[in-house]
Amino acid sequence: MKTYIITLSRHFLANHKRAGEETHFKEKFLLGQGLTDYDIPSLAKLHTIRANYSLWEKRIKEVQEERAVLSIRQWGGNPYRSKQVEIARLTAANGVGIQKLEMFDLMRPEKVDGRLVDLMDLAHNDGLSFSDWYDWFRLADVKKPMAIIHFTKFRY
């Protein structure tokens, strides 16, 4: 069976205003596991946002068809200079899914599968405050659709 890896950043990246500080993504990811839509705590990491929607769409389809799994990982130390530590292996049973994110300018509601979604909700479900989310994506190429890769059954 294929394994697709998603690495969650342990620290804010160098170009972020909080560079070097812990993101606590691992804890936020674990907090979001096994929850229903009605009991989602603030800043639980229910999804990750990645570039290259078409690539991730194919991969997530394989997971949903039970031909692949998602390995959620975090670097043990410095990125690319240390081993990756697996946090969880997700399958279709976990609710893994994908939605297309079309961003405009990071300052107004964005489209998820063609529907407008409030940025605060998008940021919080990504495990970040709006300020941190904005700073994380401010340099992203928002002209191309991005993938919201869901770790649970939650959808917008």
Protein backbone atom coordinates (compact mmCIF):
# COMPACT_ATOMS: atom_id res chain seq x y z
CA MET A 1 0.00 0.00 0.00
CA LYS A 2 1.25 3.48 -0.84
CA THR A 3 2.11 5.96 1.88
CA TYR A 4 1.89 9.70 1.35
CA ILE A 5 3.72 11.86 3.86
CA ILE A 6 2.53 15.14 5.28
CA THR A 7 5.04 16.80 7.55
CA LEU A 8 3.71 19.29 10.08
CA SER A 9 6.10 22.07 11.01
CA ARG A 10 7.30 21.93 14.59
CA HIS A 11 8.41 25.56 14.52
CA PHE A 12 7.31 28.64 12.65
CA LEU A 13 9.37 29.05 9.49
CA ALA A 14 12.17 31.58 9.04
CA ASN A 15 10.02 34.06 7.09
CA HIS A 16 7.29 34.12 9.78
CA LYS A 17 7.13 36.86 12.41
CA ARG A 18 7.31 34.13 15.09
CA ALA A 19 10.22 32.28 13.43
CA GLY A 20 11.66 29.55 15.61
CA GLU A 21 8.77 29.44 18.08
CA GLU A 22 6.85 26.17 18.49
CA THR A 23 3.68 25.78 16.41
CA HIS A 24 2.29 23.00 18.65
CA PHE A 25 0.83 21.46 15.47
CA LYS A 26 1.36 17.93 16.79
CA GLU A 27 -0.71 18.63 19.89
CA LYS A 28 -3.32 20.54 17.88
CA PHE A 29 -3.55 17.68 15.37
CA LEU A 30 -4.02 15.12 18.15
CA LEU A 31 -6.65 17.37 19.76
CA GLY A 32 -8.67 17.28 16.54
CA GLN A 33 -8.69 13.50 16.17
CA GLY A 34 -11.94 11.72 17.01
CA LEU A 35 -14.00 14.89 17.41
CA THR A 36 -17.39 15.60 15.88
CA ASP A 37 -18.40 18.82 14.12
CA TYR A 38 -20.14 19.87 17.33
CA ASP A 39 -17.24 19.71 19.77
CA ILE A 40 -14.29 21.19 17.89
CA PRO A 41 -12.01 23.05 20.32
CA SER A 42 -10.44 26.31 19.24
CA LEU A 43 -7.23 25.91 17.23
CA ALA A 44 -7.51 22.13 16.81
CA LYS A 45 -5.62 21.29 13.59
CA LEU A 46 -8.33 19.68 11.46
CA HIS A 47 -6.53 20.17 8.16
CA THR A 48 -3.46 21.42 6.41
CA ILE A 49 -3.29 23.67 3.36
CA ARG A 50 -0.89 22.74 0.57
CA ALA A 51 -0.02 23.94 -2.91
CA ASN A 52 -0.57 21.73 -5.97
CA TYR A 53 -4.26 20.88 -5.66
CA SER A 54 -4.27 18.44 -8.60
CA LEU A 55 -1.43 16.33 -7.14
CA TRP A 56 -3.10 16.12 -3.71
CA GLU A 57 -6.50 15.42 -5.27
CA LYS A 58 -5.08 12.25 -6.87
CA ARG A 59 -3.33 11.18 -3.67
CA ILE A 60 -6.36 11.73 -1.44
CA LYS A 61 -8.54 9.80 -3.88
CA GLU A 62 -6.18 6.84 -3.42
CA VAL A 63 -6.51 7.15 0.36
CA GLN A 64 -10.29 7.28 0.09
CA GLU A 65 -10.24 4.18 -2.15
CA GLU A 66 -8.09 2.42 0.49
CA ARG A 67 -5.11 2.11 -1.87
CA ALA A 68 -2.94 4.48 0.21
CA VAL A 69 -2.53 5.98 3.68
CA LEU A 70 -1.44 9.38 4.94
CA SER A 71 1.50 9.38 7.29
CA ILE A 72 1.38 12.53 9.42
CA ARG A 73 4.89 13.35 10.64
CA GLN A 74 7.02 15.94 12.35
CA TRP A 75 10.77 16.43 12.22
CA GLY A 76 12.57 15.06 15.28
CA GLY A 77 14.99 18.00 15.21
CA ASN A 78 16.06 20.40 12.48
CA PRO A 79 14.01 20.12 9.26
CA TYR A 80 15.71 18.02 6.58
CA ARG A 81 18.59 17.31 8.98
CA SER A 82 16.84 14.91 11.34
CA LYS A 83 14.58 11.90 11.24
CA GLN A 84 10.87 12.32 10.79
CA VAL A 85 8.71 11.03 13.63
CA GLU A 86 5.31 9.63 12.70
CA ILE A 87 2.42 11.12 14.65
CA ALA A 88 -0.39 9.12 13.01
CA ARG A 89 -1.38 7.05 10.00
CA LEU A 90 -4.70 8.12 8.52
CA THR A 91 -7.02 6.17 6.27
CA ALA A 92 -10.42 6.66 4.70
CA ALA A 93 -11.93 5.53 8.02
CA ASN A 94 -10.51 8.66 9.69
CA GLY A 95 -12.41 10.83 7.23
CA VAL A 96 -9.43 11.95 5.14
CA GLY A 97 -10.62 14.27 2.41
CA ILE A 98 -9.76 17.21 0.22
CA GLN A 99 -11.39 20.48 -0.73
CA LYS A 100 -10.25 23.05 -3.29
CA LEU A 101 -9.25 26.40 -1.81
CA GLU A 102 -9.30 29.43 -4.07
CA MET A 103 -7.75 32.45 -2.40
CA PHE A 104 -8.06 36.06 -3.44
CA ASP A 105 -5.90 38.27 -1.25
CA LEU A 106 -5.91 36.80 2.30
CA MET A 107 -8.09 39.63 3.56
CA ARG A 108 -11.61 38.59 2.55
CA PRO A 109 -13.59 35.34 2.59
CA GLU A 110 -12.05 32.65 0.44
CA LYS A 111 -13.77 30.03 -1.72
CA VAL A 112 -13.75 26.39 -0.66
CA ASP A 113 -15.32 24.16 -3.30
CA GLY A 114 -16.97 27.29 -4.71
CA ARG A 115 -18.52 28.47 -1.40
CA LEU A 116 -17.29 31.46 0.60
CA VAL A 117 -15.64 30.57 3.92
CA ASP A 118 -14.73 32.98 6.69
CA LEU A 119 -10.97 33.42 7.05
CA MET A 120 -11.11 33.16 10.84
CA ASP A 121 -12.69 29.70 10.56
CA LEU A 122 -10.14 28.64 7.95
CA ALA A 123 -7.23 29.84 10.11
CA HIS A 124 -8.52 28.31 13.37
CA ASN A 125 -9.24 24.93 11.75
CA ASP A 126 -5.68 25.02 10.40
CA GLY A 127 -4.47 25.33 14.00
CA LEU A 128 -3.48 29.00 13.85
CA SER A 129 -4.71 32.39 14.96
CA PHE A 130 -5.71 34.58 12.00
CA SER A 131 -2.60 36.73 12.49
CA ASP A 132 -0.28 33.69 12.38
CA TRP A 133 -2.21 32.15 9.47
CA TYR A 134 -1.96 35.39 7.49
CA ASP A 135 1.77 35.64 8.12
CA TRP A 136 2.22 31.95 7.17
CA PHE A 137 0.47 32.38 3.78
CA ARG A 138 1.33 35.98 2.92
CA LEU A 139 4.02 34.86 0.44
CA ALA A 140 1.98 32.01 -1.07
CA ASP A 141 1.02 32.05 -4.74
CA VAL A 142 -2.71 32.58 -4.31
CA LYS A 143 -3.35 32.59 -8.06
CA LYS A 144 -3.40 28.78 -8.16
CA PRO A 145 -5.92 26.60 -6.29
CA MET A 146 -4.60 25.07 -3.10
CA ALA A 147 -5.59 21.86 -1.34
CA ILE A 148 -7.23 21.72 2.06
CA ILE A 149 -6.31 18.22 3.20
CA HIS A 150 -8.70 17.15 5.95
CA PHE A 151 -7.55 14.87 8.75
CA THR A 152 -11.11 14.24 9.99
CA LYS A 153 -14.65 14.08 8.58
CA PHE A 154 -15.04 17.86 9.05
CA ARG A 155 -15.78 19.78 5.84
CA TYR A 156 -16.68 23.36 4.98
